[in-house]
Amino acid sequence: MAKLRLLATVKVARETTLRPGAVIEVKDPEDEQAASLVARGFARWVKAGDATEEEALSLDRIIAAIGKLDPANAKHFKGGKPELKALGELLGAEVTAGQRDQAWAALQG
């Protein structure tokens, strides 16, 4: 088994789009589609010792990214909370609602 970290948004099916930072498992490291993604610069192989997505997205990193968002920009905040898409674009990885809510709660005190 091998793993790829996406460096670009990749649409894999009509309903499924994978965002930058997503880590996907590849059964065969010789898989043509995986090799094509790497060759075109859309992904890179995850090596032993690389941080997983969860480790790479520490609470501190998410809090710092929230600080870079503009509360007056509707693309950055909606319903009083930071937008997941805006956070994901800043961090280069998908942020879950749970991760965002935990970081937002820490900022709110």
PDB file of N, CA and C in Angstrom:
ATOM      1  N   MET A   1       0.841  -1.186   0.000  1.00  0.00           N
ATOM      2  CA  MET A   1       0.000   0.000   0.000  1.00  0.00           C
ATOM      3  C   MET A   1       0.883   1.245   0.000  1.00  0.00           C
ATOM      4  N   ALA A   2       0.513   2.217  -0.762  1.00  0.00           N
ATOM      5  CA  ALA A   2       1.226   3.493  -0.820  1.00  0.00           C
ATOM      6  C   ALA A   2       0.213   4.609  -0.610  1.00  0.00           C
ATOM      7  N   LYS A   3       0.708   5.799  -0.289  1.00  0.00           N
ATOM      8  CA  LYS A   3      -0.179   6.932  -0.072  1.00  0.00           C
ATOM      9  C   LYS A   3       0.261   8.116  -0.921  1.00  0.00           C
ATOM     10  N   LEU A   4      -0.751   8.866  -1.378  1.00  0.00           N
ATOM     11  CA  LEU A   4      -0.528  10.093  -2.131  1.00  0.00           C
ATOM     12  C   LEU A   4      -1.133  11.256  -1.362  1.00  0.00           C
ATOM     13  N   ARG A   5      -0.441  12.393  -1.353  1.00  0.00           N
ATOM     14  CA  ARG A   5      -1.012  13.637  -0.818  1.00  0.00           C
ATOM     15  C   ARG A   5      -1.311  14.514  -2.024  1.00  0.00           C
ATOM     16  N   LEU A   6      -2.571  14.925  -2.149  1.00  0.00           N
ATOM     17  CA  LEU A   6      -2.965  15.750  -3.283  1.00  0.00           C
ATOM     18  C   LEU A   6      -2.454  17.172  -3.118  1.00  0.00           C
ATOM     19  N   LEU A   7      -1.994  17.743  -4.217  1.00  0.00           N
ATOM     20  CA  LEU A   7      -1.494  19.113  -4.238  1.00  0.00           C
ATOM     21  C   LEU A   7      -2.443  20.030  -5.009  1.00  0.00           C
ATOM     22  N   ALA A   8      -3.470  19.443  -5.601  1.00  0.00           N
ATOM     23  CA  ALA A   8      -4.450  20.194  -6.376  1.00  0.00           C
ATOM     24  C   ALA A   8      -5.816  19.555  -6.163  1.00  0.00           C
ATOM     25  N   THR A   9      -6.859  20.270  -6.497  1.00  0.00           N
ATOM     26  CA  THR A   9      -8.205  19.715  -6.423  1.00  0.00           C
ATOM     27  C   THR A   9      -8.367  18.707  -7.545  1.00  0.00           C
ATOM     28  N   VAL A  10      -8.870  17.519  -7.203  1.00  0.00           N
ATOM     29  CA  VAL A  10      -9.033  16.447  -8.176  1.00  0.00           C
ATOM     30  C   VAL A  10     -10.472  15.939  -8.105  1.00  0.00           C
ATOM     31  N   LYS A  11     -11.161  15.968  -9.223  1.00  0.00           N
ATOM     32  CA  LYS A  11     -12.523  15.444  -9.292  1.00  0.00           C
ATOM     33  C   LYS A  11     -12.421  13.992  -9.709  1.00  0.00           C
ATOM     34  N   VAL A  12     -12.897  13.088  -8.841  1.00  0.00           N
ATOM     35  CA  VAL A  12     -12.767  11.664  -9.125  1.00  0.00           C
ATOM     36  C   VAL A  12     -14.084  11.031  -9.567  1.00  0.00           C
ATOM     37  N   ALA A  13     -15.175  11.704  -9.330  1.00  0.00           N
ATOM     38  CA  ALA A  13     -16.490  11.242  -9.770  1.00  0.00           C
ATOM     39  C   ALA A  13     -17.419  12.448  -9.784  1.00  0.00           C
ATOM     40  N   ARG A  14     -18.582  12.273 -10.346  1.00  0.00           N
ATOM     41  CA  ARG A  14     -19.525  13.385 -10.446  1.00  0.00           C
ATOM     42  C   ARG A  14     -19.767  14.023  -9.082  1.00  0.00           C
ATOM     43  N   GLU A  15     -19.913  13.217  -8.046  1.00  0.00           N
ATOM     44  CA  GLU A  15     -20.221  13.725  -6.712  1.00  0.00           C
ATOM     45  C   GLU A  15     -19.009  13.837  -5.795  1.00  0.00           C
ATOM     46  N   THR A  16     -17.837  13.443  -6.259  1.00  0.00           N
ATOM     47  CA  THR A  16     -16.679  13.395  -5.375  1.00  0.00           C
ATOM     48  C   THR A  16     -15.535  14.248  -5.898  1.00  0.00           C
ATOM     49  N   THR A  17     -15.144  15.217  -5.087  1.00  0.00           N
ATOM     50  CA  THR A  17     -13.996  16.055  -5.389  1.00  0.00           C
ATOM     51  C   THR A  17     -13.061  15.996  -4.192  1.00  0.00           C
ATOM     52  N   LEU A  18     -11.804  15.723  -4.442  1.00  0.00           N
ATOM     53  CA  LEU A  18     -10.806  15.681  -3.383  1.00  0.00           C
ATOM     54  C   LEU A  18     -10.016  16.981  -3.409  1.00  0.00           C
ATOM     55  N   ARG A  19      -9.806  17.542  -2.232  1.00  0.00           N
ATOM     56  CA  ARG A  19      -9.162  18.846  -2.110  1.00  0.00           C
ATOM     57  C   ARG A  19      -7.671  18.700  -1.828  1.00  0.00           C
ATOM     58  N   PRO A  20      -6.900  19.751  -2.087  1.00  0.00           N
ATOM     59  CA  PRO A  20      -5.470  19.708  -1.773  1.00  0.00           C
ATOM     60  C   PRO A  20      -5.254  19.367  -0.303  1.00  0.00           C
ATOM     61  N   GLY A  21      -4.254  18.540  -0.056  1.00  0.00           N
ATOM     62  CA  GLY A  21      -3.950  18.116   1.298  1.00  0.00           C
ATOM     63  C   GLY A  21      -4.528  16.758   1.641  1.00  0.00           C
ATOM     64  N   ALA A  22      -5.517  16.320   0.882  1.00  0.00           N
ATOM     65  CA  ALA A  22      -6.118  15.013   1.144  1.00  0.00           C
ATOM     66  C   ALA A  22      -5.081  13.925   0.898  1.00  0.00           C
ATOM     67  N   VAL A  23      -5.108  12.911   1.746  1.00  0.00           N
ATOM     68  CA  VAL A  23      -4.211  11.768   1.584  1.00  0.00           C
ATOM     69  C   VAL A  23      -5.062  10.582   1.163  1.00  0.00           C
ATOM     70  N   ILE A  24      -4.676   9.953   0.063  1.00  0.00           N
ATOM     71  CA  ILE A  24      -5.409   8.794  -0.427  1.00  0.00           C
ATOM     72  C   ILE A  24      -4.482   7.589  -0.472  1.00  0.00           C
ATOM     73  N   GLU A  25      -5.052   6.410  -0.210  1.00  0.00           N
ATOM     74  CA  GLU A  25      -4.279   5.175  -0.263  1.00  0.00           C
ATOM     75  C   GLU A  25      -4.377   4.576  -1.658  1.00  0.00           C
ATOM     76  N   VAL A  26      -3.263   4.100  -2.133  1.00  0.00           N
ATOM     77  CA  VAL A  26      -3.177   3.475  -3.448  1.00  0.00           C
ATOM     78  C   VAL A  26      -2.721   2.041  -3.224  1.00  0.00           C
ATOM     79  N   LYS A  27      -3.522   1.069  -3.679  1.00  0.00           N
ATOM     80  CA  LYS A  27      -3.195  -0.343  -3.446  1.00  0.00           C
ATOM     81  C   LYS A  27      -1.894  -0.747  -4.117  1.00  0.00           C
ATOM     82  N   ASP A  28      -1.696  -0.266  -5.335  1.00  0.00           N
ATOM     83  CA  ASP A  28      -0.511  -0.645  -6.101  1.00  0.00           C
ATOM     84  C   ASP A  28       0.312   0.601  -6.410  1.00  0.00           C
ATOM     85  N   PRO A  29       1.550   0.701  -5.878  1.00  0.00           N
ATOM     86  CA  PRO A  29       2.383   1.870  -6.146  1.00  0.00           C
ATOM     87  C   PRO A  29       2.684   2.077  -7.629  1.00  0.00           C
ATOM     88  N   GLU A  30       2.438   1.069  -8.449  1.00  0.00           N
ATOM     89  CA  GLU A  30       2.659   1.166  -9.895  1.00  0.00           C
ATOM     90  C   GLU A  30       1.393   1.600 -10.631  1.00  0.00           C
ATOM     91  N   ASP A  31       0.346   1.955  -9.908  1.00  0.00           N
ATOM     92  CA  ASP A  31      -0.930   2.359 -10.497  1.00  0.00           C
ATOM     93  C   ASP A  31      -0.723   3.511 -11.482  1.00  0.00           C
ATOM     94  N   GLU A  32      -1.242   3.360 -12.697  1.00  0.00           N
ATOM     95  CA  GLU A  32      -1.041   4.354 -13.753  1.00  0.00           C
ATOM     96  C   GLU A  32      -1.657   5.705 -13.407  1.00  0.00           C
ATOM     97  N   GLN A  33      -2.857   5.696 -12.836  1.00  0.00           N
ATOM     98  CA  GLN A  33      -3.519   6.956 -12.499  1.00  0.00           C
ATOM     99  C   GLN A  33      -2.752   7.700 -11.411  1.00  0.00           C
ATOM    100  N   ALA A  34      -2.280   6.975 -10.409  1.00  0.00           N
ATOM    101  CA  ALA A  34      -1.503   7.609  -9.340  1.00  0.00           C
ATOM    102  C   ALA A  34      -0.208   8.184  -9.903  1.00  0.00           C
ATOM    103  N   ALA A  35       0.477   7.412 -10.718  1.00  0.00           N
ATOM    104  CA  ALA A  35       1.724   7.884 -11.319  1.00  0.00           C
ATOM    105  C   ALA A  35       1.481   9.115 -12.195  1.00  0.00           C
ATOM    106  N   SER A  36       0.362   9.149 -12.878  1.00  0.00           N
ATOM    107  CA  SER A  36       0.017  10.298 -13.721  1.00  0.00           C
ATOM    108  C   SER A  36      -0.216  11.548 -12.879  1.00  0.00           C
ATOM    109  N   LEU A  37      -0.901  11.398 -11.743  1.00  0.00           N
ATOM    110  CA  LEU A  37      -1.120  12.540 -10.854  1.00  0.00           C
ATOM    111  C   LEU A  37       0.205  13.116 -10.362  1.00  0.00           C
ATOM    112  N   VAL A  38       1.123  12.233 -10.005  1.00  0.00           N
ATOM    113  CA  VAL A  38       2.438  12.677  -9.521  1.00  0.00           C
ATOM    114  C   VAL A  38       3.221  13.335 -10.655  1.00  0.00           C
ATOM    115  N   ALA A  39       3.227  12.714 -11.814  1.00  0.00           N
ATOM    116  CA  ALA A  39       3.987  13.243 -12.953  1.00  0.00           C
ATOM    117  C   ALA A  39       3.501  14.626 -13.377  1.00  0.00           C
ATOM    118  N   ARG A  40       2.199  14.870 -13.248  1.00  0.00           N
ATOM    119  CA  ARG A  40       1.638  16.163 -13.645  1.00  0.00           C
ATOM    120  C   ARG A  40       1.675  17.197 -12.520  1.00  0.00           C
ATOM    121  N   GLY A  41       2.214  16.806 -11.350  1.00  0.00           N
ATOM    122  CA  GLY A  41       2.345  17.754 -10.250  1.00  0.00           C
ATOM    123  C   GLY A  41       1.079  17.948  -9.441  1.00  0.00           C
ATOM    124  N   PHE A  42       0.104  17.039  -9.588  1.00  0.00           N
ATOM    125  CA  PHE A  42      -1.147  17.144  -8.851  1.00  0.00           C
ATOM    126  C   PHE A  42      -1.091  16.429  -7.500  1.00  0.00           C
ATOM    127  N   ALA A  43      -0.052  15.616  -7.298  1.00  0.00           N
ATOM    128  CA  ALA A  43       0.078  14.848  -6.053  1.00  0.00           C
ATOM    129  C   ALA A  43       1.544  14.512  -5.840  1.00  0.00           C
ATOM    130  N   ARG A  44       1.835  14.085  -4.614  1.00  0.00           N
ATOM    131  CA  ARG A  44       3.183  13.579  -4.322  1.00  0.00           C
ATOM    132  C   ARG A  44       3.042  12.354  -3.435  1.00  0.00           C
ATOM    133  N   TRP A  45       4.013  11.474  -3.523  1.00  0.00           N
ATOM    134  CA  TRP A  45       3.997  10.275  -2.690  1.00  0.00           C
ATOM    135  C   TRP A  45       4.281  10.671  -1.245  1.00  0.00           C
ATOM    136  N   VAL A  46       3.568  10.068  -0.315  1.00  0.00           N
ATOM    137  CA  VAL A  46       3.808  10.284   1.108  1.00  0.00           C
ATOM    138  C   VAL A  46       4.868   9.276   1.525  1.00  0.00           C
ATOM    139  N   LYS A  47       5.949   9.789   2.073  1.00  0.00           N
ATOM    140  CA  LYS A  47       7.054   8.923   2.495  1.00  0.00           C
ATOM    141  C   LYS A  47       6.912   8.586   3.971  1.00  0.00           C
ATOM    142  N   ALA A  48       7.544   7.514   4.384  1.00  0.00           N
ATOM    143  CA  ALA A  48       7.540   7.138   5.798  1.00  0.00           C
ATOM    144  C   ALA A  48       8.079   8.305   6.616  1.00  0.00           C
ATOM    145  N   GLY A  49       7.386   8.650   7.666  1.00  0.00           N
ATOM    146  CA  GLY A  49       7.807   9.757   8.519  1.00  0.00           C
ATOM    147  C   GLY A  49       7.147  11.078   8.184  1.00  0.00           C
ATOM    148  N   ASP A  50       6.496  11.187   7.000  1.00  0.00           N
ATOM    149  CA  ASP A  50       5.752  12.406   6.675  1.00  0.00           C
ATOM    150  C   ASP A  50       4.598  12.550   7.646  1.00  0.00           C
ATOM    151  N   ALA A  51       4.272  13.782   7.988  1.00  0.00           N
ATOM    152  CA  ALA A  51       3.140  14.026   8.876  1.00  0.00           C
ATOM    153  C   ALA A  51       1.851  13.646   8.167  1.00  0.00           C
ATOM    154  N   THR A  52       0.948  13.033   8.902  1.00  0.00           N
ATOM    155  CA  THR A  52      -0.363  12.749   8.336  1.00  0.00           C
ATOM    156  C   THR A  52      -1.152  14.039   8.312  1.00  0.00           C
ATOM    157  N   GLU A  53      -2.269  14.034   7.641  1.00  0.00           N
ATOM    158  CA  GLU A  53      -3.090  15.239   7.524  1.00  0.00           C
ATOM    159  C   GLU A  53      -3.507  15.734   8.904  1.00  0.00           C
ATOM    160  N   GLU A  54      -3.861  14.814   9.797  1.00  0.00           N
ATOM    161  CA  GLU A  54      -4.297  15.215  11.119  1.00  0.00           C
ATOM    162  C   GLU A  54      -3.169  15.902  11.898  1.00  0.00           C
ATOM    163  N   GLU A  55      -1.951  15.372  11.768  1.00  0.00           N
ATOM    164  CA  GLU A  55      -0.817  15.981  12.457  1.00  0.00           C
ATOM    165  C   GLU A  55      -0.476  17.334  11.851  1.00  0.00           C
ATOM    166  N   ALA A  56      -0.581  17.430  10.526  1.00  0.00           N
ATOM    167  CA  ALA A  56      -0.233  18.665   9.838  1.00  0.00           C
ATOM    168  C   ALA A  56      -1.203  19.790  10.186  1.00  0.00           C
ATOM    169  N   LEU A  57      -2.425  19.443  10.550  1.00  0.00           N
ATOM    170  CA  LEU A  57      -3.429  20.444  10.883  1.00  0.00           C
ATOM    171  C   LEU A  57      -3.612  20.551  12.386  1.00  0.00           C
ATOM    172  N   SER A  58      -2.600  21.048  13.040  1.00  0.00           N
ATOM    173  CA  SER A  58      -2.699  21.237  14.478  1.00  0.00           C
ATOM    174  C   SER A  58      -3.684  22.362  14.773  1.00  0.00           C
ATOM    175  N   LEU A  59      -4.193  22.369  15.979  1.00  0.00           N
ATOM    176  CA  LEU A  59      -5.120  23.412  16.405  1.00  0.00           C
ATOM    177  C   LEU A  59      -4.495  24.787  16.229  1.00  0.00           C
ATOM    178  N   ASP A  60      -3.219  24.908  16.545  1.00  0.00           N
ATOM    179  CA  ASP A  60      -2.527  26.193  16.409  1.00  0.00           C
ATOM    180  C   ASP A  60      -2.494  26.674  14.960  1.00  0.00           C
ATOM    181  N   ARG A  61      -2.288  25.757  14.015  1.00  0.00           N
ATOM    182  CA  ARG A  61      -2.272  26.144  12.593  1.00  0.00           C
ATOM    183  C   ARG A  61      -3.641  26.634  12.144  1.00  0.00           C
ATOM    184  N   ILE A  62      -4.688  25.970  12.606  1.00  0.00           N
ATOM    185  CA  ILE A  62      -6.038  26.372  12.218  1.00  0.00           C
ATOM    186  C   ILE A  62      -6.378  27.721  12.835  1.00  0.00           C
ATOM    187  N   ILE A  63      -6.001  27.929  14.088  1.00  0.00           N
ATOM    188  CA  ILE A  63      -6.236  29.220  14.752  1.00  0.00           C
ATOM    189  C   ILE A  63      -5.505  30.336  14.006  1.00  0.00           C
ATOM    190  N   ALA A  64      -4.271  30.081  13.620  1.00  0.00           N
ATOM    191  CA  ALA A  64      -3.501  31.092  12.883  1.00  0.00           C
ATOM    192  C   ALA A  64      -4.163  31.407  11.547  1.00  0.00           C
ATOM    193  N   ALA A  65      -4.689  30.394  10.876  1.00  0.00           N
ATOM    194  CA  ALA A  65      -5.357  30.614   9.597  1.00  0.00           C
ATOM    195  C   ALA A  65      -6.638  31.424   9.784  1.00  0.00           C
ATOM    196  N   ILE A  66      -7.374  31.159  10.841  1.00  0.00           N
ATOM    197  CA  ILE A  66      -8.593  31.929  11.111  1.00  0.00           C
ATOM    198  C   ILE A  66      -8.240  33.405  11.269  1.00  0.00           C
ATOM    199  N   GLY A  67      -7.113  33.690  11.912  1.00  0.00           N
ATOM    200  CA  GLY A  67      -6.678  35.070  12.106  1.00  0.00           C
ATOM    201  C   GLY A  67      -6.384  35.800  10.806  1.00  0.00           C
ATOM    202  N   LYS A  68      -6.148  35.049   9.728  1.00  0.00           N
ATOM    203  CA  LYS A  68      -5.851  35.660   8.433  1.00  0.00           C
ATOM    204  C   LYS A  68      -7.110  35.931   7.607  1.00  0.00           C
ATOM    205  N   LEU A  69      -8.249  35.403   8.069  1.00  0.00           N
ATOM    206  CA  LEU A  69      -9.498  35.598   7.329  1.00  0.00           C
ATOM    207  C   LEU A  69     -10.111  36.952   7.661  1.00  0.00           C
ATOM    208  N   ASP A  70     -10.853  37.488   6.705  1.00  0.00           N
ATOM    209  CA  ASP A  70     -11.522  38.784   6.856  1.00  0.00           C
ATOM    210  C   ASP A  70     -12.973  38.551   7.280  1.00  0.00           C
ATOM    211  N   PRO A  71     -13.336  38.928   8.521  1.00  0.00           N
ATOM    212  CA  PRO A  71     -14.710  38.710   8.996  1.00  0.00           C
ATOM    213  C   PRO A  71     -15.767  39.411   8.146  1.00  0.00           C
ATOM    214  N   ALA A  72     -15.395  40.452   7.428  1.00  0.00           N
ATOM    215  CA  ALA A  72     -16.349  41.186   6.590  1.00  0.00           C
ATOM    216  C   ALA A  72     -16.553  40.521   5.226  1.00  0.00           C
ATOM    217  N   ASN A  73     -15.726  39.555   4.882  1.00  0.00           N
ATOM    218  CA  ASN A  73     -15.806  38.876   3.592  1.00  0.00           C
ATOM    219  C   ASN A  73     -16.720  37.653   3.729  1.00  0.00           C
ATOM    220  N   ALA A  74     -17.809  37.635   2.974  1.00  0.00           N
ATOM    221  CA  ALA A  74     -18.773  36.531   3.044  1.00  0.00           C
ATOM    222  C   ALA A  74     -18.164  35.192   2.624  1.00  0.00           C
ATOM    223  N   LYS A  75     -17.077  35.229   1.851  1.00  0.00           N
ATOM    224  CA  LYS A  75     -16.408  33.983   1.469  1.00  0.00           C
ATOM    225  C   LYS A  75     -15.533  33.447   2.603  1.00  0.00           C
ATOM    226  N   HIS A  76     -15.253  34.281   3.587  1.00  0.00           N
ATOM    227  CA  HIS A  76     -14.412  33.875   4.713  1.00  0.00           C
ATOM    228  C   HIS A  76     -15.226  33.487   5.945  1.00  0.00           C
ATOM    229  N   PHE A  77     -16.350  34.150   6.151  1.00  0.00           N
ATOM    230  CA  PHE A  77     -17.194  33.883   7.319  1.00  0.00           C
ATOM    231  C   PHE A  77     -18.645  33.759   6.895  1.00  0.00           C
ATOM    232  N   LYS A  78     -19.325  32.784   7.480  1.00  0.00           N
ATOM    233  CA  LYS A  78     -20.745  32.601   7.207  1.00  0.00           C
ATOM    234  C   LYS A  78     -21.402  32.122   8.493  1.00  0.00           C
ATOM    235  N   GLY A  79     -22.486  32.752   8.857  1.00  0.00           N
ATOM    236  CA  GLY A  79     -23.174  32.355  10.084  1.00  0.00           C
ATOM    237  C   GLY A  79     -22.330  32.587  11.318  1.00  0.00           C
ATOM    238  N   GLY A  80     -21.420  33.543  11.227  1.00  0.00           N
ATOM    239  CA  GLY A  80     -20.580  33.867  12.374  1.00  0.00           C
ATOM    240  C   GLY A  80     -19.378  32.962  12.568  1.00  0.00           C
ATOM    241  N   LYS A  81     -19.170  32.007  11.650  1.00  0.00           N
ATOM    242  CA  LYS A  81     -18.035  31.083  11.763  1.00  0.00           C
ATOM    243  C   LYS A  81     -17.181  31.139  10.504  1.00  0.00           C
ATOM    244  N   PRO A  82     -15.899  30.822  10.643  1.00  0.00           N
ATOM    245  CA  PRO A  82     -15.027  30.776   9.467  1.00  0.00           C
ATOM    246  C   PRO A  82     -15.495  29.700   8.487  1.00  0.00           C
ATOM    247  N   GLU A  83     -15.419  30.006   7.208  1.00  0.00           N
ATOM    248  CA  GLU A  83     -15.800  29.068   6.155  1.00  0.00           C
ATOM    249  C   GLU A  83     -14.732  27.981   5.994  1.00  0.00           C
ATOM    250  N   LEU A  84     -15.174  26.746   5.887  1.00  0.00           N
ATOM    251  CA  LEU A  84     -14.250  25.624   5.732  1.00  0.00           C
ATOM    252  C   LEU A  84     -13.431  25.737   4.448  1.00  0.00           C
ATOM    253  N   LYS A  85     -14.064  26.170   3.362  1.00  0.00           N
ATOM    254  CA  LYS A  85     -13.351  26.277   2.091  1.00  0.00           C
ATOM    255  C   LYS A  85     -12.218  27.296   2.183  1.00  0.00           C
ATOM    256  N   ALA A  86     -12.493  28.441   2.805  1.00  0.00           N
ATOM    257  CA  ALA A  86     -11.461  29.476   2.950  1.00  0.00           C
ATOM    258  C   ALA A  86     -10.309  28.972   3.808  1.00  0.00           C
ATOM    259  N   LEU A  87     -10.626  28.273   4.893  1.00  0.00           N
ATOM    260  CA  LEU A  87      -9.572  27.713   5.750  1.00  0.00           C
ATOM    261  C   LEU A  87      -8.758  26.668   4.992  1.00  0.00           C
ATOM    262  N   GLY A  88      -9.445  25.811   4.264  1.00  0.00           N
ATOM    263  CA  GLY A  88      -8.762  24.773   3.495  1.00  0.00           C
ATOM    264  C   GLY A  88      -7.808  25.348   2.466  1.00  0.00           C
ATOM    265  N   GLU A  89      -8.233  26.431   1.822  1.00  0.00           N
ATOM    266  CA  GLU A  89      -7.371  27.066   0.821  1.00  0.00           C
ATOM    267  C   GLU A  89      -6.132  27.681   1.471  1.00  0.00           C
ATOM    268  N   LEU A  90      -6.307  28.280   2.635  1.00  0.00           N
ATOM    269  CA  LEU A  90      -5.156  28.867   3.333  1.00  0.00           C
ATOM    270  C   LEU A  90      -4.179  27.803   3.810  1.00  0.00           C
ATOM    271  N   LEU A  91      -4.711  26.699   4.308  1.00  0.00           N
ATOM    272  CA  LEU A  91      -3.871  25.666   4.904  1.00  0.00           C
ATOM    273  C   LEU A  91      -3.381  24.627   3.899  1.00  0.00           C
ATOM    274  N   GLY A  92      -4.008  24.588   2.733  1.00  0.00           N
ATOM    275  CA  GLY A  92      -3.623  23.583   1.751  1.00  0.00           C
ATOM    276  C   GLY A  92      -4.043  22.186   2.144  1.00  0.00           C
ATOM    277  N   ALA A  93      -5.088  22.091   2.986  1.00  0.00           N
ATOM    278  CA  ALA A  93      -5.595  20.801   3.435  1.00  0.00           C
ATOM    279  C   ALA A  93      -7.061  20.962   3.815  1.00  0.00           C
ATOM    280  N   GLU A  94      -7.787  19.878   3.730  1.00  0.00           N
ATOM    281  CA  GLU A  94      -9.194  19.923   4.101  1.00  0.00           C
ATOM    282  C   GLU A  94      -9.336  20.064   5.610  1.00  0.00           C
ATOM    283  N   VAL A  95     -10.174  20.987   6.031  1.00  0.00           N
ATOM    284  CA  VAL A  95     -10.456  21.215   7.446  1.00  0.00           C
ATOM    285  C   VAL A  95     -11.872  20.735   7.716  1.00  0.00           C
ATOM    286  N   THR A  96     -12.041  19.930   8.752  1.00  0.00           N
ATOM    287  CA  THR A  96     -13.384  19.458   9.090  1.00  0.00           C
ATOM    288  C   THR A  96     -14.107  20.503   9.920  1.00  0.00           C
ATOM    289  N   ALA A  97     -15.431  20.390   9.971  1.00  0.00           N
ATOM    290  CA  ALA A  97     -16.222  21.307  10.791  1.00  0.00           C
ATOM    291  C   ALA A  97     -15.822  21.162  12.261  1.00  0.00           C
ATOM    292  N   GLY A  98     -15.533  19.955  12.687  1.00  0.00           N
ATOM    293  CA  GLY A  98     -15.116  19.731  14.073  1.00  0.00           C
ATOM    294  C   GLY A  98     -13.806  20.426  14.406  1.00  0.00           C
ATOM    295  N   GLN A  99     -12.846  20.345  13.482  1.00  0.00           N
ATOM    296  CA  GLN A  99     -11.561  21.018  13.693  1.00  0.00           C
ATOM    297  C   GLN A  99     -11.752  22.527  13.740  1.00  0.00           C
ATOM    298  N   ARG A 100     -12.553  23.041  12.798  1.00  0.00           N
ATOM    299  CA  ARG A 100     -12.819  24.482  12.758  1.00  0.00           C
ATOM    300  C   ARG A 100     -13.517  24.938  14.029  1.00  0.00           C
ATOM    301  N   ASP A 101     -14.525  24.180  14.464  1.00  0.00           N
ATOM    302  CA  ASP A 101     -15.279  24.569  15.657  1.00  0.00           C
ATOM    303  C   ASP A 101     -14.414  24.553  16.910  1.00  0.00           C
ATOM    304  N   GLN A 102     -13.516  23.589  17.002  1.00  0.00           N
ATOM    305  CA  GLN A 102     -12.604  23.535  18.151  1.00  0.00           C
ATOM    306  C   GLN A 102     -11.665  24.740  18.164  1.00  0.00           C
ATOM    307  N   ALA A 103     -11.111  25.071  17.002  1.00  0.00           N
ATOM    308  CA  ALA A 103     -10.227  26.241  16.915  1.00  0.00           C
ATOM    309  C   ALA A 103     -10.999  27.530  17.169  1.00  0.00           C
ATOM    310  N   TRP A 104     -12.201  27.629  16.642  1.00  0.00           N
ATOM    311  CA  TRP A 104     -13.026  28.822  16.820  1.00  0.00           C
ATOM    312  C   TRP A 104     -13.398  28.996  18.286  1.00  0.00           C
ATOM    313  N   ALA A 105     -13.751  27.922  18.972  1.00  0.00           N
ATOM    314  CA  ALA A 105     -14.079  27.979  20.391  1.00  0.00           C
ATOM    315  C   ALA A 105     -12.863  28.440  21.201  1.00  0.00           C
ATOM    316  N   ALA A 106     -11.677  27.974  20.834  1.00  0.00           N
ATOM    317  CA  ALA A 106     -10.460  28.373  21.549  1.00  0.00           C
ATOM    318  C   ALA A 106     -10.206  29.868  21.357  1.00  0.00           C
ATOM    319  N   LEU A 107     -10.505  30.383  20.175  1.00  0.00           N
ATOM    320  CA  LEU A 107     -10.326  31.815  19.919  1.00  0.00           C
ATOM    321  C   LEU A 107     -11.353  32.675  20.671  1.00  0.00           C
ATOM    322  N   GLN A 108     -12.546  32.137  20.820  1.00  0.00           N
ATOM    323  CA  GLN A 108     -13.612  32.883  21.479  1.00  0.00           C
ATOM    324  C   GLN A 108     -13.432  32.915  22.991  1.00  0.00           C
ATOM    325  N   GLY A 109     -12.563  32.055  23.499  1.00  0.00           N
ATOM    326  CA  GLY A 109     -12.246  32.057  24.933  1.00  0.00           C
ATOM    327  C   GLY A 109     -13.192  31.252  25.706  1.00  0.00           C
TER     328      GLY A 109
END
